[in-house]
Amino acid sequence: MTEISIADPQLSEAAMDRVRSLLEDGMLADGPEVRAFESEFAAFCGVDHGVATANGTTALHAALEALGVDRGDAVITSPFSFVASANAIRLAGGRPVFADIDPETYTLDPAAVERIARERDDVVGILPVHIYGLAADMHAIEDIADDHELFVLEDACQAHGATIDDERVGSFGDAACFSFYPTKNMTTGEGGMVTTDSEALANRIAGYVNHGRTPDGGTGGYDHHELGHNYRMTSLAATIGRVQLERLPERNETRRAHAAAYDDRFAELPVETPTVPSGHRHVYHQYTIRTTDRESLRETLENYGVGSKVYYPTPIHQQPAYETTSTATTSLPQTERAAETVLSLPVHPNLTRDDRERVVDAVSTQFHSHDST
């Protein structure tokens, strides 16, 4: 029995053809393909500028540097995310301050964000995380940011194509960051992108990812007015990304169809299925349920040859790298409860109907067998 994997990244033949053509041309590093991908991805998000980077973490770090985060500045963010969200704040010299999450959406609870913004005078920005393919409550977060004069940087690394009131993530706040890691809704192998409507901010980010060079390159391309890194995307990655972007809407719809089928089949089972607030469009980077019988369910899924994953078993504020820092928070109950009960099931576009039925059968067997004992 072939295992149904939690993710199944695949490149189309069109992408392979484009890669082969690029290899023949020999333009492998940063170049016209990257500029084209930046432009196309920005247009997809509905903004004026995109800056490609080596991965999602470098996108976050470069954006925070460009936004002017200074040593000791506090940035409110989610503890229920991959650690890169908070690490990027620390790498820029800032301090992540964790607000608890909404237990239904797993995204930042605006009320918790508001309390922190009101109580602290060192907060300079908010970094909401769009987790599992669902956007955070950006309207509420933007209102808080306006009231307290804070920047907003979206971590959209798991939400390519998600919307609120038909506006795509990547178009809210001051800037947004995406990851193109292989398991994401679209991939470049490794890669990242910052999107923004601000030309000045885009120029600062573009300089930072290219050793601090001026946008026009200066004298022979070697004028470096700011400190920077080599965070550039390669042309190979951008070539793959351009083809992946063309397929993204269709593949997101396939994810949504799988999710809708799961919602229907799990409706009578004692599991919590994903919540989608009014006006939001979920793109299901992950299909995540909640159950107090998680470990038993994982065993049943494994027996059926179905992969599953816990995102994330240890919240960031409880990670060893954060235990001795002043950013640690003693208790974030909704986050900690989510970490104990969430489980993601396969929802990737390459699932067949038979695959999906096997997932449903495994989950159903788990709870029906409990009912009969």
Protein backbone atom coordinates (compact mmCIF):
# COMPACT_ATOMS: atom_id res chain seq x y z
CA MET A 1 0.00 0.00 0.00
CA THR A 2 1.46 3.32 -1.09
CA GLU A 3 1.48 5.94 1.65
CA ILE A 4 -0.56 9.08 1.07
CA SER A 5 1.90 11.81 1.93
CA ILE A 6 1.09 15.01 3.79
CA ALA A 7 2.67 16.96 0.91
CA ASP A 8 3.55 16.07 -2.67
CA PRO A 9 5.50 18.82 -4.47
CA GLN A 10 5.65 18.30 -8.21
CA LEU A 11 6.99 20.34 -11.11
CA SER A 12 5.08 20.35 -14.38
CA GLU A 13 6.67 19.44 -17.67
CA ALA A 14 6.34 23.11 -18.65
CA ALA A 15 8.50 24.09 -15.68
CA MET A 16 11.07 21.44 -16.56
CA ASP A 17 11.20 22.72 -20.14
CA ARG A 18 11.75 26.27 -18.92
CA VAL A 19 14.53 25.12 -16.60
CA ARG A 20 16.26 23.21 -19.39
CA SER A 21 16.07 26.27 -21.62
CA LEU A 22 17.54 28.46 -18.91
CA LEU A 23 20.37 26.01 -18.29
CA GLU A 24 21.22 26.17 -21.97
CA ASP A 25 21.24 29.98 -21.84
CA GLY A 26 23.56 29.97 -18.84
CA MET A 27 21.80 32.86 -17.00
CA LEU A 28 21.57 31.06 -13.67
CA ALA A 29 21.90 33.79 -11.04
CA ASP A 30 19.81 36.92 -10.49
CA GLY A 31 18.58 38.35 -13.79
CA PRO A 32 15.62 39.03 -16.10
CA GLU A 33 13.71 35.91 -15.01
CA VAL A 34 13.76 37.15 -11.43
CA ARG A 35 12.54 40.62 -12.45
CA ALA A 36 9.71 39.05 -14.43
CA PHE A 37 8.69 36.81 -11.51
CA GLU A 38 8.73 39.79 -9.14
CA SER A 39 6.45 41.75 -11.44
CA GLU A 40 4.04 38.87 -12.04
CA PHE A 41 3.77 37.92 -8.39
CA ALA A 42 3.19 41.52 -7.32
CA ALA A 43 0.41 41.79 -9.91
CA PHE A 44 -1.12 38.56 -8.60
CA CYS A 45 -1.23 40.04 -5.09
CA GLY A 46 -2.57 43.36 -6.38
CA VAL A 47 0.40 45.52 -5.39
CA ASP A 48 2.98 47.58 -7.24
CA HIS A 49 6.24 45.93 -6.18
CA GLY A 50 7.72 42.53 -5.50
CA VAL A 51 11.24 41.75 -4.31
CA ALA A 52 12.38 38.15 -4.66
CA THR A 53 14.63 36.57 -2.02
CA ALA A 54 16.35 33.28 -1.32
CA ASN A 55 13.60 31.98 1.00
CA GLY A 56 10.76 33.07 3.23
CA THR A 57 12.99 33.73 6.23
CA THR A 58 15.23 36.09 4.27
CA ALA A 59 12.10 37.85 3.00
CA LEU A 60 10.95 38.46 6.57
CA HIS A 61 14.39 39.57 7.75
CA ALA A 62 14.97 41.93 4.82
CA ALA A 63 11.51 43.47 5.20
CA LEU A 64 11.99 44.08 8.93
CA GLU A 65 15.38 45.69 8.29
CA ALA A 66 13.84 47.91 5.62
CA LEU A 67 10.98 48.86 7.95
CA GLY A 68 13.59 50.21 10.37
CA VAL A 69 13.33 47.76 13.26
CA ASP A 70 16.05 48.76 15.71
CA ARG A 71 17.69 47.04 18.65
CA GLY A 72 15.18 46.57 21.43
CA ASP A 73 12.11 47.42 19.36
CA ALA A 74 9.15 45.19 20.14
CA VAL A 75 7.10 43.58 17.38
CA ILE A 76 3.86 41.77 18.22
CA THR A 77 3.55 38.39 16.52
CA SER A 78 2.08 34.92 16.84
CA PRO A 79 3.60 32.15 18.96
CA PHE A 80 1.74 29.59 16.83
CA SER A 81 3.86 29.55 13.71
CA PHE A 82 7.08 28.19 12.31
CA VAL A 83 9.93 29.69 14.34
CA ALA A 84 11.15 31.83 11.41
CA SER A 85 8.41 34.39 12.10
CA ALA A 86 9.92 35.27 15.47
CA ASN A 87 13.53 34.55 14.51
CA ALA A 88 13.41 37.20 11.79
CA ILE A 89 12.42 39.82 14.35
CA ARG A 90 15.37 38.88 16.53
CA LEU A 91 17.75 38.80 13.58
CA ALA A 92 16.72 42.37 12.78
CA GLY A 93 17.54 43.37 16.36
CA GLY A 94 13.98 43.49 17.61
CA ARG A 95 12.11 41.57 20.29
CA PRO A 96 9.11 39.39 19.42
CA VAL A 97 6.23 39.90 21.82
CA PHE A 98 3.72 37.07 21.59
CA ALA A 99 -0.02 37.62 21.58
CA ASP A 100 -2.36 34.66 21.98
CA ILE A 101 -4.35 33.27 19.07
CA ASP A 102 -8.02 32.96 18.24
CA PRO A 103 -8.83 29.30 19.06
CA GLU A 104 -10.98 28.88 15.94
CA THR A 105 -8.71 30.40 13.28
CA TYR A 106 -5.26 29.89 14.92
CA THR A 107 -4.34 33.42 13.84
CA LEU A 108 -3.60 36.39 16.10
CA ASP A 109 -6.44 37.39 18.39
CA PRO A 110 -6.92 41.14 17.74
CA ALA A 111 -8.07 41.70 21.33
CA ALA A 112 -4.80 40.24 22.61
CA VAL A 113 -2.83 42.39 20.16
CA GLU A 114 -4.71 45.50 21.28
CA ARG A 115 -3.94 44.82 24.94
CA ILE A 116 -0.21 44.56 24.28
CA ALA A 117 -0.15 47.63 22.04
CA ARG A 118 -1.98 49.62 24.71
CA GLU A 119 0.18 48.45 27.63
CA ARG A 120 3.65 48.75 26.08
CA ASP A 121 5.44 51.81 24.74
CA ASP A 122 8.21 49.92 22.90
CA VAL A 123 6.02 48.29 20.23
CA VAL A 124 6.81 49.46 16.68
CA GLY A 125 4.95 46.92 14.57
CA ILE A 126 2.69 43.89 14.18
CA LEU A 127 3.65 40.72 12.30
CA PRO A 128 0.46 38.66 11.85
CA VAL A 129 0.83 35.12 10.51
CA HIS A 130 -1.64 33.74 7.96
CA ILE A 131 -1.50 30.14 9.08
CA TYR A 132 -2.58 26.97 7.25
CA GLY A 133 -3.78 29.04 4.27
CA LEU A 134 -6.17 31.32 6.19
CA ALA A 135 -5.62 35.06 6.50
CA ALA A 136 -5.50 36.70 9.92
CA ASP A 137 -8.13 39.33 10.76
CA MET A 138 -6.31 42.02 8.83
CA HIS A 139 -9.01 44.68 9.05
CA ALA A 140 -8.92 44.57 12.84
CA ILE A 141 -5.12 44.41 12.91
CA GLU A 142 -4.80 47.37 10.54
CA ASP A 143 -7.16 49.38 12.75
CA ILE A 144 -4.99 48.64 15.79
CA ALA A 145 -1.86 49.58 13.87
CA ASP A 146 -3.41 52.87 12.77
CA ASP A 147 -4.49 53.70 16.32
CA HIS A 148 -1.00 53.08 17.73
CA GLU A 149 1.06 54.17 14.69
CA LEU A 150 2.60 50.74 14.08
CA PHE A 151 3.76 49.08 10.89
CA VAL A 152 2.11 45.87 9.69
CA LEU A 153 4.13 43.12 8.02
CA GLU A 154 2.14 40.09 6.87
CA ASP A 155 3.72 36.67 7.19
CA ALA A 156 1.89 35.15 4.23
CA CYS A 157 4.30 32.25 3.82
CA GLN A 158 1.45 29.71 4.02
CA ALA A 159 -1.30 31.62 2.27
CA HIS A 160 -0.57 32.22 -1.42
CA GLY A 161 -3.86 33.36 -2.95
CA ALA A 162 -5.92 33.59 0.26
CA THR A 163 -8.30 36.55 0.35
CA ILE A 164 -10.35 38.78 2.62
CA ASP A 165 -13.31 40.43 0.89
CA ASP A 166 -11.74 39.49 -2.47
CA GLU A 167 -8.43 41.21 -1.65
CA ARG A 168 -5.46 38.87 -1.71
CA VAL A 169 -3.02 38.58 1.14
CA GLY A 170 0.16 40.39 0.26
CA SER A 171 -1.79 43.59 -0.29
CA PHE A 172 -2.54 44.49 3.34
CA GLY A 173 -0.36 46.54 5.65
CA ASP A 174 3.03 47.98 4.73
CA ALA A 175 4.47 44.80 3.21
CA ALA A 176 4.04 41.03 3.13
CA CYS A 177 6.35 38.05 2.92
CA PHE A 178 5.92 34.72 1.13
CA SER A 179 7.82 31.43 1.09
CA PHE A 180 8.20 29.13 -1.90
CA TYR A 181 9.45 26.11 0.03
CA PRO A 182 8.55 22.79 -1.68
CA THR A 183 5.55 22.05 0.57
CA LYS A 184 3.88 25.45 0.00
CA ASN A 185 0.93 26.02 -2.34
CA MET A 186 3.49 27.02 -4.95
CA THR A 187 7.24 26.43 -4.94
CA THR A 188 10.50 27.55 -6.50
CA GLY A 189 12.44 24.81 -4.67
CA GLU A 190 13.57 27.41 -2.15
CA GLY A 191 12.61 31.06 -2.44
CA GLY A 192 10.78 34.00 -0.97
CA MET A 193 9.10 37.25 -1.95
CA VAL A 194 8.26 40.58 -0.33
CA THR A 195 5.29 42.49 -1.76
CA THR A 196 4.49 46.14 -1.11
CA ASP A 197 2.88 49.22 -2.64
CA SER A 198 5.74 51.40 -1.37
CA GLU A 199 8.45 52.10 -3.93
CA ALA A 200 10.77 53.43 -1.23
CA LEU A 201 10.34 50.31 0.89
CA ALA A 202 10.79 48.03 -2.12
CA ASN A 203 14.04 49.81 -3.00
CA ARG A 204 15.37 49.41 0.54
CA ILE A 205 14.51 45.71 0.52
CA ALA A 206 16.05 45.22 -2.93
CA GLY A 207 19.23 46.88 -1.73
CA TYR A 208 19.37 44.82 1.44
CA VAL A 209 19.05 41.48 -0.38
CA ASN A 210 21.84 42.51 -2.77
CA HIS A 211 24.67 43.45 -0.37
CA GLY A 212 23.28 46.92 0.28
CA ARG A 213 23.79 48.08 -3.30
CA THR A 214 21.98 51.10 -4.64
CA PRO A 215 19.03 50.15 -6.89
CA ASP A 216 20.77 51.41 -10.04
CA GLY A 217 24.01 49.63 -9.17
CA GLY A 218 26.04 52.82 -8.87
CA THR A 219 29.50 52.92 -10.42
CA GLY A 220 29.88 49.55 -12.07
CA GLY A 221 27.42 47.94 -9.67
CA TYR A 222 29.71 48.30 -6.66
CA ASP A 223 28.24 51.17 -4.65
CA HIS A 224 27.17 49.88 -1.24
CA HIS A 225 25.52 52.55 0.87
CA GLU A 226 23.91 50.24 3.42
CA LEU A 227 24.73 46.98 5.14
CA GLY A 228 23.13 44.03 3.38
CA HIS A 229 23.25 40.32 2.65
CA ASN A 230 23.29 38.08 -0.38
CA TYR A 231 19.62 37.10 -0.08
CA ARG A 232 19.02 37.01 -3.84
CA MET A 233 16.80 34.54 -5.68
CA THR A 234 18.34 32.62 -8.57
CA SER A 235 16.98 32.70 -12.09
CA LEU A 236 16.44 28.95 -11.86
CA ALA A 237 14.11 29.43 -8.90
CA ALA A 238 12.28 32.32 -10.58
CA THR A 239 11.74 30.28 -13.75
CA ILE A 240 10.06 27.53 -11.76
CA GLY A 241 8.07 30.11 -9.81
CA ARG A 242 6.65 31.76 -12.90
CA VAL A 243 5.16 28.46 -14.11
CA GLN A 244 3.96 27.57 -10.62
CA LEU A 245 2.22 30.93 -10.33
CA GLU A 246 0.28 30.25 -13.54
CA ARG A 247 -1.03 27.01 -12.00
CA LEU A 248 -1.65 28.38 -8.51
CA PRO A 249 -5.34 29.39 -8.84
CA GLU A 250 -6.33 26.01 -10.27
CA ARG A 251 -4.34 24.08 -7.67
CA ASN A 252 -5.77 26.18 -4.86
CA GLU A 253 -9.25 25.33 -6.07
CA THR A 254 -8.35 21.64 -5.95
CA ARG A 255 -7.22 22.06 -2.35
CA ARG A 256 -10.49 23.80 -1.56
CA ALA A 257 -12.47 20.97 -3.16
CA HIS A 258 -10.64 18.39 -1.04
CA ALA A 259 -11.29 20.49 2.06
CA ALA A 260 -14.99 20.82 1.28
CA ALA A 261 -15.25 17.04 0.89
CA TYR A 262 -13.54 16.51 4.25
CA ASP A 263 -15.82 19.07 5.91
CA ASP A 264 -18.86 17.19 4.66
CA ARG A 265 -17.62 13.73 5.63
CA PHE A 266 -16.35 14.76 9.06
CA ALA A 267 -19.43 16.77 10.02
CA GLU A 268 -20.84 14.06 12.31
CA LEU A 269 -17.51 13.08 13.84
CA PRO A 270 -16.12 14.42 17.15
CA VAL A 271 -13.40 16.50 15.49
CA GLU A 272 -13.19 20.25 14.90
CA THR A 273 -12.79 21.06 11.22
CA PRO A 274 -11.30 24.35 9.95
CA THR A 275 -13.22 27.56 10.61
CA VAL A 276 -13.46 30.08 7.77
CA PRO A 277 -14.67 33.53 8.90
CA SER A 278 -17.13 35.46 6.77
CA GLY A 279 -15.42 37.18 3.86
CA HIS A 280 -12.32 34.97 4.05
CA ARG A 281 -11.21 32.55 1.36
CA HIS A 282 -9.07 29.71 2.72
CA VAL A 283 -6.51 28.11 0.38
CA TYR A 284 -5.71 25.13 2.64
CA HIS A 285 -1.96 24.98 2.75
CA GLN A 286 -2.94 22.53 5.46
CA TYR A 287 -6.26 20.93 6.34
CA THR A 288 -6.05 20.97 10.12
CA ILE A 289 -8.49 19.34 12.50
CA ARG A 290 -8.55 19.31 16.30
CA THR A 291 -9.01 16.24 18.46
CA THR A 292 -8.15 15.18 21.98
CA ASP A 293 -7.42 11.69 20.58
CA ARG A 294 -4.59 12.93 18.38
CA GLU A 295 -1.98 10.27 19.03
CA SER A 296 -4.47 7.44 18.68
CA LEU A 297 -5.76 8.97 15.44
CA ARG A 298 -2.23 9.28 14.09
CA GLU A 299 -1.69 5.58 14.72
CA THR A 300 -4.90 4.73 12.87
CA LEU A 301 -3.92 6.95 9.96
CA GLU A 302 -0.51 5.30 9.83
CA ASN A 303 -2.14 1.87 9.74
CA TYR A 304 -4.14 3.06 6.71
CA GLY A 305 -1.02 4.37 5.03
CA VAL A 306 -2.00 8.00 5.49
CA GLY A 307 0.57 10.61 6.41
CA SER A 308 -0.24 13.30 8.97
CA LYS A 309 1.67 16.07 10.71
CA VAL A 310 1.44 18.30 13.77
CA TYR A 311 1.99 21.97 12.95
CA TYR A 312 3.22 22.92 15.53
CA PRO A 313 3.81 20.67 18.57
CA THR A 314 5.85 23.26 20.50
CA PRO A 315 4.81 26.92 20.38
CA ILE A 316 7.61 29.40 19.74
CA HIS A 317 7.53 30.87 23.24
CA GLN A 318 8.24 27.39 24.63
CA GLN A 319 11.11 26.62 22.24
CA PRO A 320 14.55 26.16 23.86
CA ALA A 321 15.91 29.10 21.85
CA TYR A 322 13.36 31.34 23.58
CA GLU A 323 13.41 29.98 27.12
CA THR A 324 16.13 32.32 28.37
CA THR A 325 15.10 35.44 26.49
CA SER A 326 12.98 38.31 27.72
CA THR A 327 10.54 37.48 24.89
CA ALA A 328 9.34 34.37 26.72
CA THR A 329 5.75 34.45 27.97
CA THR A 330 4.60 32.29 30.86
CA SER A 331 1.21 31.29 29.50
CA LEU A 332 -0.64 31.62 26.22
CA PRO A 333 -3.51 29.21 26.83
CA GLN A 334 -5.15 29.15 23.40
CA THR A 335 -1.81 28.62 21.68
CA GLU A 336 -0.79 25.88 24.07
CA ARG A 337 -4.14 24.12 23.72
CA ALA A 338 -3.88 24.24 19.94
CA ALA A 339 -0.39 22.74 20.04
CA GLU A 340 -1.81 19.79 22.01
CA THR A 341 -4.78 19.07 19.73
CA VAL A 342 -4.15 20.07 16.09
CA LEU A 343 -3.45 17.53 13.35
CA SER A 344 -3.03 18.18 9.64
CA LEU A 345 -4.28 15.73 7.02
CA PRO A 346 -3.28 15.42 3.34
CA VAL A 347 -4.97 18.08 1.20
CA HIS A 348 -2.43 18.65 -1.58
CA PRO A 349 -3.66 18.92 -5.19
CA ASN A 350 -2.22 15.57 -6.24
CA LEU A 351 -4.62 13.59 -4.04
CA THR A 352 -6.88 11.31 -6.01
CA ARG A 353 -10.49 10.66 -5.05
CA ASP A 354 -9.42 7.21 -3.81
CA ASP A 355 -6.68 8.81 -1.70
CA ARG A 356 -9.18 11.17 -0.14
CA GLU A 357 -11.59 8.31 0.59
CA ARG A 358 -8.82 6.41 2.35
CA VAL A 359 -8.17 9.45 4.57
CA VAL A 360 -11.89 9.68 5.35
CA ASP A 361 -12.11 5.95 6.06
CA ALA A 362 -9.18 6.13 8.47
CA VAL A 363 -10.62 9.06 10.43
CA SER A 364 -14.10 7.54 10.46
CA THR A 365 -12.79 4.16 11.63
CA GLN A 366 -10.93 5.81 14.49
CA PHE A 367 -14.03 7.42 15.96
CA HIS A 368 -16.58 4.77 15.07
CA SER A 369 -14.44 2.12 16.72
CA HIS A 370 -14.37 4.26 19.88
CA ASP A 371 -18.16 4.62 19.77
CA SER A 372 -18.61 0.86 19.66
CA THR A 373 -16.48 0.14 22.72
